[in-house]
């Protein structure tokens, strides 16, 4: 699901794949995580398309515990479940924080408005509460405003700032995961890492 590059994924010493990946391939693919034993428990938030769920299946096939969660079950999600993947038809806010802890949460292009609008702080806390110490939530968005609002939760909320480090960086369109959203010059990658 999350196909955006992070600086730590682009370090060759951290990727141990049998074949060499180009920088762009590492940048666009969560599949580079498949060999990283650091991330045993992975949550994909909001996957709908085949390519998003293919990344989740690759991780599953490499022995990781992977869950995909979305209130909307697409044909690709049904195929993922039939192939042995774990798909939960629900919102992430419905997961009880005490029952699951993830090393990595991947989320591309969330749509936090409309009928299920969640303000930035509760939106962030629903994800951050599910991270293990050292775990990361990586989000890619096309909205500079929403990226800034979420980053401000990490910068200005004392409770969050005490436990998480947040970084926000722009991504060129070719570095970001594919999107059906309107074409824009830049996407944004937000990474929250739990420090304790």
C-alpha atoms as a PDB file:
ATOM      1  CA  UNK A   1       0.000   0.000   0.000  1.00  0.00           C
ATOM      2  CA  UNK A   2       2.523   2.600   0.983  1.00  0.00           C
ATOM      3  CA  UNK A   3       4.791   2.911  -1.991  1.00  0.00           C
ATOM      4  CA  UNK A   4       6.531   6.156  -1.105  1.00  0.00           C
ATOM      5  CA  UNK A   5      10.232   6.209  -0.431  1.00  0.00           C
ATOM      6  CA  UNK A   6      11.649   6.993   2.902  1.00  0.00           C
ATOM      7  CA  UNK A   7      15.262   7.896   3.417  1.00  0.00           C
ATOM      8  CA  UNK A   8      15.845   4.842   5.568  1.00  0.00           C
ATOM      9  CA  UNK A   9      14.513   2.536   2.864  1.00  0.00           C
ATOM     10  CA  UNK A  10      16.830   3.989   0.273  1.00  0.00           C
ATOM     11  CA  UNK A  11      19.944   2.959   2.168  1.00  0.00           C
ATOM     12  CA  UNK A  12      21.286  -0.087   0.311  1.00  0.00           C
ATOM     13  CA  UNK A  13      22.636  -1.713   3.485  1.00  0.00           C
ATOM     14  CA  UNK A  14      19.104  -1.986   4.876  1.00  0.00           C
ATOM     15  CA  UNK A  15      17.633  -3.750   1.859  1.00  0.00           C
ATOM     16  CA  UNK A  16      18.497  -7.351   1.326  1.00  0.00           C
ATOM     17  CA  UNK A  17      16.815  -8.464  -1.849  1.00  0.00           C
ATOM     18  CA  UNK A  18      18.137 -11.174  -4.101  1.00  0.00           C
ATOM     19  CA  UNK A  19      18.058  -8.777  -7.036  1.00  0.00           C
ATOM     20  CA  UNK A  20      19.111  -5.185  -7.241  1.00  0.00           C
ATOM     21  CA  UNK A  21      16.355  -2.598  -7.047  1.00  0.00           C
ATOM     22  CA  UNK A  22      16.661   0.721  -8.763  1.00  0.00           C
ATOM     23  CA  UNK A  23      16.356   3.810  -6.619  1.00  0.00           C
ATOM     24  CA  UNK A  24      13.002   4.610  -8.196  1.00  0.00           C
ATOM     25  CA  UNK A  25      11.681   1.101  -7.580  1.00  0.00           C
ATOM     26  CA  UNK A  26      12.677   1.340  -3.917  1.00  0.00           C
ATOM     27  CA  UNK A  27      11.113   4.785  -3.814  1.00  0.00           C
ATOM     28  CA  UNK A  28       7.743   3.633  -5.081  1.00  0.00           C
ATOM     29  CA  UNK A  29       7.406   0.255  -3.500  1.00  0.00           C
ATOM     30  CA  UNK A  30       6.607  -1.077  -0.091  1.00  0.00           C
ATOM     31  CA  UNK A  31       7.900  -4.360  -1.468  1.00  0.00           C
ATOM     32  CA  UNK A  32      11.392  -3.276  -0.409  1.00  0.00           C
ATOM     33  CA  UNK A  33      10.142  -3.888   3.117  1.00  0.00           C
ATOM     34  CA  UNK A  34       9.585  -7.567   2.414  1.00  0.00           C
ATOM     35  CA  UNK A  35      13.067  -8.547   3.510  1.00  0.00           C
ATOM     36  CA  UNK A  36      13.303  -6.144   6.428  1.00  0.00           C
ATOM     37  CA  UNK A  37      12.750  -8.272   9.485  1.00  0.00           C
ATOM     38  CA  UNK A  38      12.302  -5.098  11.519  1.00  0.00           C
ATOM     39  CA  UNK A  39       8.696  -4.950  10.370  1.00  0.00           C
ATOM     40  CA  UNK A  40       6.933  -8.145  11.328  1.00  0.00           C
ATOM     41  CA  UNK A  41       3.506  -6.642  12.019  1.00  0.00           C
ATOM     42  CA  UNK A  42       2.251  -4.371   9.251  1.00  0.00           C
ATOM     43  CA  UNK A  43      -1.064  -2.555   8.843  1.00  0.00           C
ATOM     44  CA  UNK A  44      -2.188  -1.215   5.463  1.00  0.00           C
ATOM     45  CA  UNK A  45      -4.834   1.475   5.908  1.00  0.00           C
ATOM     46  CA  UNK A  46      -7.358   2.101   3.153  1.00  0.00           C
ATOM     47  CA  UNK A  47      -6.052  -0.102   0.327  1.00  0.00           C
ATOM     48  CA  UNK A  48      -8.489  -0.456  -2.555  1.00  0.00           C
ATOM     49  CA  UNK A  49      -6.587  -1.063  -5.772  1.00  0.00           C
ATOM     50  CA  UNK A  50      -4.868  -4.233  -6.948  1.00  0.00           C
ATOM     51  CA  UNK A  51      -1.365  -2.698  -6.859  1.00  0.00           C
ATOM     52  CA  UNK A  52      -1.822  -1.571  -3.255  1.00  0.00           C
ATOM     53  CA  UNK A  53      -2.941  -5.001  -2.085  1.00  0.00           C
ATOM     54  CA  UNK A  54      -0.202  -6.712  -4.111  1.00  0.00           C
ATOM     55  CA  UNK A  55       2.359  -5.063  -1.819  1.00  0.00           C
ATOM     56  CA  UNK A  56       0.488  -6.358   1.221  1.00  0.00           C
ATOM     57  CA  UNK A  57       0.425  -9.869  -0.269  1.00  0.00           C
ATOM     58  CA  UNK A  58       4.175  -9.800  -0.976  1.00  0.00           C
ATOM     59  CA  UNK A  59       4.843  -8.998   2.668  1.00  0.00           C
ATOM     60  CA  UNK A  60       2.456 -11.750   3.736  1.00  0.00           C
ATOM     61  CA  UNK A  61       4.272 -14.227   1.482  1.00  0.00           C
ATOM     62  CA  UNK A  62       7.565 -13.242   3.121  1.00  0.00           C
ATOM     63  CA  UNK A  63       6.256 -14.257   6.538  1.00  0.00           C
ATOM     64  CA  UNK A  64       5.113 -10.908   7.896  1.00  0.00           C
ATOM     65  CA  UNK A  65       1.838 -10.545   9.774  1.00  0.00           C
ATOM     66  CA  UNK A  66      -0.080  -8.170   7.522  1.00  0.00           C
ATOM     67  CA  UNK A  67      -3.552  -6.747   7.949  1.00  0.00           C
ATOM     68  CA  UNK A  68      -5.337  -4.560   5.401  1.00  0.00           C
ATOM     69  CA  UNK A  69      -8.199  -2.473   6.746  1.00  0.00           C
ATOM     70  CA  UNK A  70     -10.775  -0.407   4.871  1.00  0.00           C
ATOM     71  CA  UNK A  71     -14.503   0.238   5.392  1.00  0.00           C
ATOM     72  CA  UNK A  72     -14.916  -0.312   1.650  1.00  0.00           C
ATOM     73  CA  UNK A  73     -14.282  -3.795   0.292  1.00  0.00           C
ATOM     74  CA  UNK A  74     -13.314  -3.639  -3.363  1.00  0.00           C
ATOM     75  CA  UNK A  75     -12.979  -6.551  -5.777  1.00  0.00           C
ATOM     76  CA  UNK A  76      -9.204  -6.343  -5.222  1.00  0.00           C
ATOM     77  CA  UNK A  77      -9.710  -6.610  -1.457  1.00  0.00           C
ATOM     78  CA  UNK A  78     -11.885  -9.696  -1.968  1.00  0.00           C
ATOM     79  CA  UNK A  79      -9.191 -11.231  -4.174  1.00  0.00           C
ATOM     80  CA  UNK A  80      -6.583 -10.423  -1.498  1.00  0.00           C
ATOM     81  CA  UNK A  81      -8.679 -12.230   1.116  1.00  0.00           C
ATOM     82  CA  UNK A  82      -9.250 -15.243  -1.203  1.00  0.00           C
ATOM     83  CA  UNK A  83      -5.479 -15.444  -1.754  1.00  0.00           C
ATOM     84  CA  UNK A  84      -4.956 -15.790   2.004  1.00  0.00           C
ATOM     85  CA  UNK A  85      -4.560 -12.148   3.027  1.00  0.00           C
ATOM     86  CA  UNK A  86      -6.175 -10.707   6.123  1.00  0.00           C
ATOM     87  CA  UNK A  87      -8.647  -7.988   5.214  1.00  0.00           C
ATOM     88  CA  UNK A  88     -10.861  -6.289   7.795  1.00  0.00           C
ATOM     89  CA  UNK A  89     -13.852  -4.305   6.597  1.00  0.00           C
ATOM     90  CA  UNK A  90     -13.777  -1.499   9.156  1.00  0.00           C
ATOM     91  CA  UNK A  91     -12.291   1.874   9.918  1.00  0.00           C
ATOM     92  CA  UNK A  92      -8.948   2.046  11.705  1.00  0.00           C
ATOM     93  CA  UNK A  93     -10.698   3.903  14.516  1.00  0.00           C
ATOM     94  CA  UNK A  94     -12.623   0.673  15.176  1.00  0.00           C
ATOM     95  CA  UNK A  95      -9.469  -1.277  16.079  1.00  0.00           C
ATOM     96  CA  UNK A  96      -8.927  -1.517  19.840  1.00  0.00           C
ATOM     97  CA  UNK A  97      -5.428  -0.086  20.554  1.00  0.00           C
ATOM     98  CA  UNK A  98      -4.784  -2.558  23.362  1.00  0.00           C
ATOM     99  CA  UNK A  99      -5.317  -5.574  21.102  1.00  0.00           C
ATOM    100  CA  UNK A 100      -2.834  -4.845  18.339  1.00  0.00           C
ATOM    101  CA  UNK A 101       0.567  -3.238  17.956  1.00  0.00           C
ATOM    102  CA  UNK A 102       2.218  -2.656  14.623  1.00  0.00           C
ATOM    103  CA  UNK A 103       5.814  -2.131  13.575  1.00  0.00           C
ATOM    104  CA  UNK A 104       4.664  -0.317  10.453  1.00  0.00           C
ATOM    105  CA  UNK A 105       1.449   1.394   9.387  1.00  0.00           C
ATOM    106  CA  UNK A 106       1.246   2.317   5.691  1.00  0.00           C
ATOM    107  CA  UNK A 107      -1.361   4.738   4.369  1.00  0.00           C
ATOM    108  CA  UNK A 108      -1.681   6.390   0.964  1.00  0.00           C
ATOM    109  CA  UNK A 109      -3.957   9.274   0.115  1.00  0.00           C
ATOM    110  CA  UNK A 110      -6.396   9.164   3.033  1.00  0.00           C
ATOM    111  CA  UNK A 111      -9.772  10.771   2.518  1.00  0.00           C
ATOM    112  CA  UNK A 112     -10.563  12.156   5.992  1.00  0.00           C
ATOM    113  CA  UNK A 113     -13.543  14.237   5.000  1.00  0.00           C
ATOM    114  CA  UNK A 114     -17.136  13.775   4.042  1.00  0.00           C
ATOM    115  CA  UNK A 115     -19.346  11.430   6.006  1.00  0.00           C
ATOM    116  CA  UNK A 116     -16.520  10.019   8.110  1.00  0.00           C
ATOM    117  CA  UNK A 117     -14.572  13.240   8.778  1.00  0.00           C
ATOM    118  CA  UNK A 118     -12.062  12.854  11.583  1.00  0.00           C
ATOM    119  CA  UNK A 119     -10.203  15.961  12.826  1.00  0.00           C
ATOM    120  CA  UNK A 120      -6.378  15.792  12.565  1.00  0.00           C
ATOM    121  CA  UNK A 121      -5.586  14.969  16.205  1.00  0.00           C
ATOM    122  CA  UNK A 122      -7.990  11.998  16.590  1.00  0.00           C
ATOM    123  CA  UNK A 123      -7.035  10.884  13.055  1.00  0.00           C
ATOM    124  CA  UNK A 124      -3.355  10.785  14.053  1.00  0.00           C
ATOM    125  CA  UNK A 125      -3.959   9.281  17.501  1.00  0.00           C
ATOM    126  CA  UNK A 126      -6.012   6.406  16.046  1.00  0.00           C
ATOM    127  CA  UNK A 127      -2.885   5.363  14.127  1.00  0.00           C
ATOM    128  CA  UNK A 128      -0.190   6.332  16.611  1.00  0.00           C
ATOM    129  CA  UNK A 129      -1.897   4.387  19.413  1.00  0.00           C
ATOM    130  CA  UNK A 130      -1.397   1.197  17.379  1.00  0.00           C
ATOM    131  CA  UNK A 131       2.392   1.535  16.976  1.00  0.00           C
ATOM    132  CA  UNK A 132       4.936  -0.499  18.899  1.00  0.00           C
ATOM    133  CA  UNK A 133       7.961   1.350  20.326  1.00  0.00           C
ATOM    134  CA  UNK A 134      10.196   2.077  17.330  1.00  0.00           C
ATOM    135  CA  UNK A 135       7.264   1.616  14.949  1.00  0.00           C
ATOM    136  CA  UNK A 136       6.463   3.968  12.068  1.00  0.00           C
ATOM    137  CA  UNK A 137       3.325   5.367  10.499  1.00  0.00           C
ATOM    138  CA  UNK A 138       4.045   6.499   6.953  1.00  0.00           C
ATOM    139  CA  UNK A 139       1.409   8.516   5.149  1.00  0.00           C
ATOM    140  CA  UNK A 140       1.425   9.981   1.635  1.00  0.00           C
ATOM    141  CA  UNK A 141      -1.012  12.733   0.694  1.00  0.00           C
ATOM    142  CA  UNK A 142      -1.570  15.196  -2.110  1.00  0.00           C
ATOM    143  CA  UNK A 143      -2.846  17.835   0.313  1.00  0.00           C
ATOM    144  CA  UNK A 144      -0.231  20.237   1.702  1.00  0.00           C
ATOM    145  CA  UNK A 145      -2.838  21.588   4.110  1.00  0.00           C
ATOM    146  CA  UNK A 146      -3.703  18.213   5.588  1.00  0.00           C
ATOM    147  CA  UNK A 147      -0.039  17.164   5.772  1.00  0.00           C
ATOM    148  CA  UNK A 148       0.720  20.371   7.690  1.00  0.00           C
ATOM    149  CA  UNK A 149      -2.233  19.861  10.042  1.00  0.00           C
ATOM    150  CA  UNK A 150      -1.081  16.335  10.879  1.00  0.00           C
ATOM    151  CA  UNK A 151       2.534  17.457  11.304  1.00  0.00           C
ATOM    152  CA  UNK A 152       1.380  20.177  13.697  1.00  0.00           C
ATOM    153  CA  UNK A 153      -0.149  17.453  15.889  1.00  0.00           C
ATOM    154  CA  UNK A 154       3.351  15.995  16.221  1.00  0.00           C
ATOM    155  CA  UNK A 155       4.943  19.387  16.788  1.00  0.00           C
ATOM    156  CA  UNK A 156       2.423  21.036  19.106  1.00  0.00           C
ATOM    157  CA  UNK A 157       0.684  18.302  21.078  1.00  0.00           C
ATOM    158  CA  UNK A 158       2.816  17.682  24.186  1.00  0.00           C
ATOM    159  CA  UNK A 159       1.589  14.117  24.621  1.00  0.00           C
ATOM    160  CA  UNK A 160       2.423  13.220  21.022  1.00  0.00           C
ATOM    161  CA  UNK A 161       5.702  15.148  20.929  1.00  0.00           C
ATOM    162  CA  UNK A 162       6.922  13.311  24.048  1.00  0.00           C
ATOM    163  CA  UNK A 163       6.507   9.893  22.385  1.00  0.00           C
ATOM    164  CA  UNK A 164       6.827  10.448  18.624  1.00  0.00           C
ATOM    165  CA  UNK A 165       9.119  12.130  16.132  1.00  0.00           C
ATOM    166  CA  UNK A 166       7.416  13.531  13.025  1.00  0.00           C
ATOM    167  CA  UNK A 167       9.002  14.436   9.692  1.00  0.00           C
ATOM    168  CA  UNK A 168       7.315  15.915   6.647  1.00  0.00           C
ATOM    169  CA  UNK A 169       8.882  16.057   3.210  1.00  0.00           C
ATOM    170  CA  UNK A 170       7.685  16.821  -0.318  1.00  0.00           C
ATOM    171  CA  UNK A 171       7.764  14.125  -2.984  1.00  0.00           C
ATOM    172  CA  UNK A 172       7.944  14.670  -6.702  1.00  0.00           C
ATOM    173  CA  UNK A 173       5.076  13.039  -8.568  1.00  0.00           C
ATOM    174  CA  UNK A 174       7.362  10.279  -9.909  1.00  0.00           C
ATOM    175  CA  UNK A 175       8.558   9.445  -6.366  1.00  0.00           C
ATOM    176  CA  UNK A 176       5.071   9.022  -4.958  1.00  0.00           C
ATOM    177  CA  UNK A 177       2.772   6.027  -5.207  1.00  0.00           C
ATOM    178  CA  UNK A 178       0.319   6.009  -8.108  1.00  0.00           C
ATOM    179  CA  UNK A 179      -2.860   7.927  -7.454  1.00  0.00           C
ATOM    180  CA  UNK A 180      -6.155   8.507  -9.179  1.00  0.00           C
ATOM    181  CA  UNK A 181      -6.339  11.961  -7.603  1.00  0.00           C
ATOM    182  CA  UNK A 182      -5.902  15.019  -9.782  1.00  0.00           C
ATOM    183  CA  UNK A 183      -2.368  15.452 -11.014  1.00  0.00           C
ATOM    184  CA  UNK A 184      -0.327  17.833  -8.871  1.00  0.00           C
ATOM    185  CA  UNK A 185       3.323  18.780  -8.940  1.00  0.00           C
ATOM    186  CA  UNK A 186       4.042  17.531  -5.434  1.00  0.00           C
ATOM    187  CA  UNK A 187       2.899  14.936  -2.964  1.00  0.00           C
ATOM    188  CA  UNK A 188       3.841  14.875   0.712  1.00  0.00           C
ATOM    189  CA  UNK A 189       5.245  12.094   2.896  1.00  0.00           C
ATOM    190  CA  UNK A 190       4.654  12.277   6.626  1.00  0.00           C
ATOM    191  CA  UNK A 191       6.482   9.855   8.920  1.00  0.00           C
ATOM    192  CA  UNK A 192       5.748   9.469  12.608  1.00  0.00           C
ATOM    193  CA  UNK A 193       8.123   7.219  14.541  1.00  0.00           C
ATOM    194  CA  UNK A 194       7.367   6.107  18.059  1.00  0.00           C
ATOM    195  CA  UNK A 195      10.381   6.791  20.242  1.00  0.00           C
ATOM    196  CA  UNK A 196       9.021   5.209  23.415  1.00  0.00           C
END
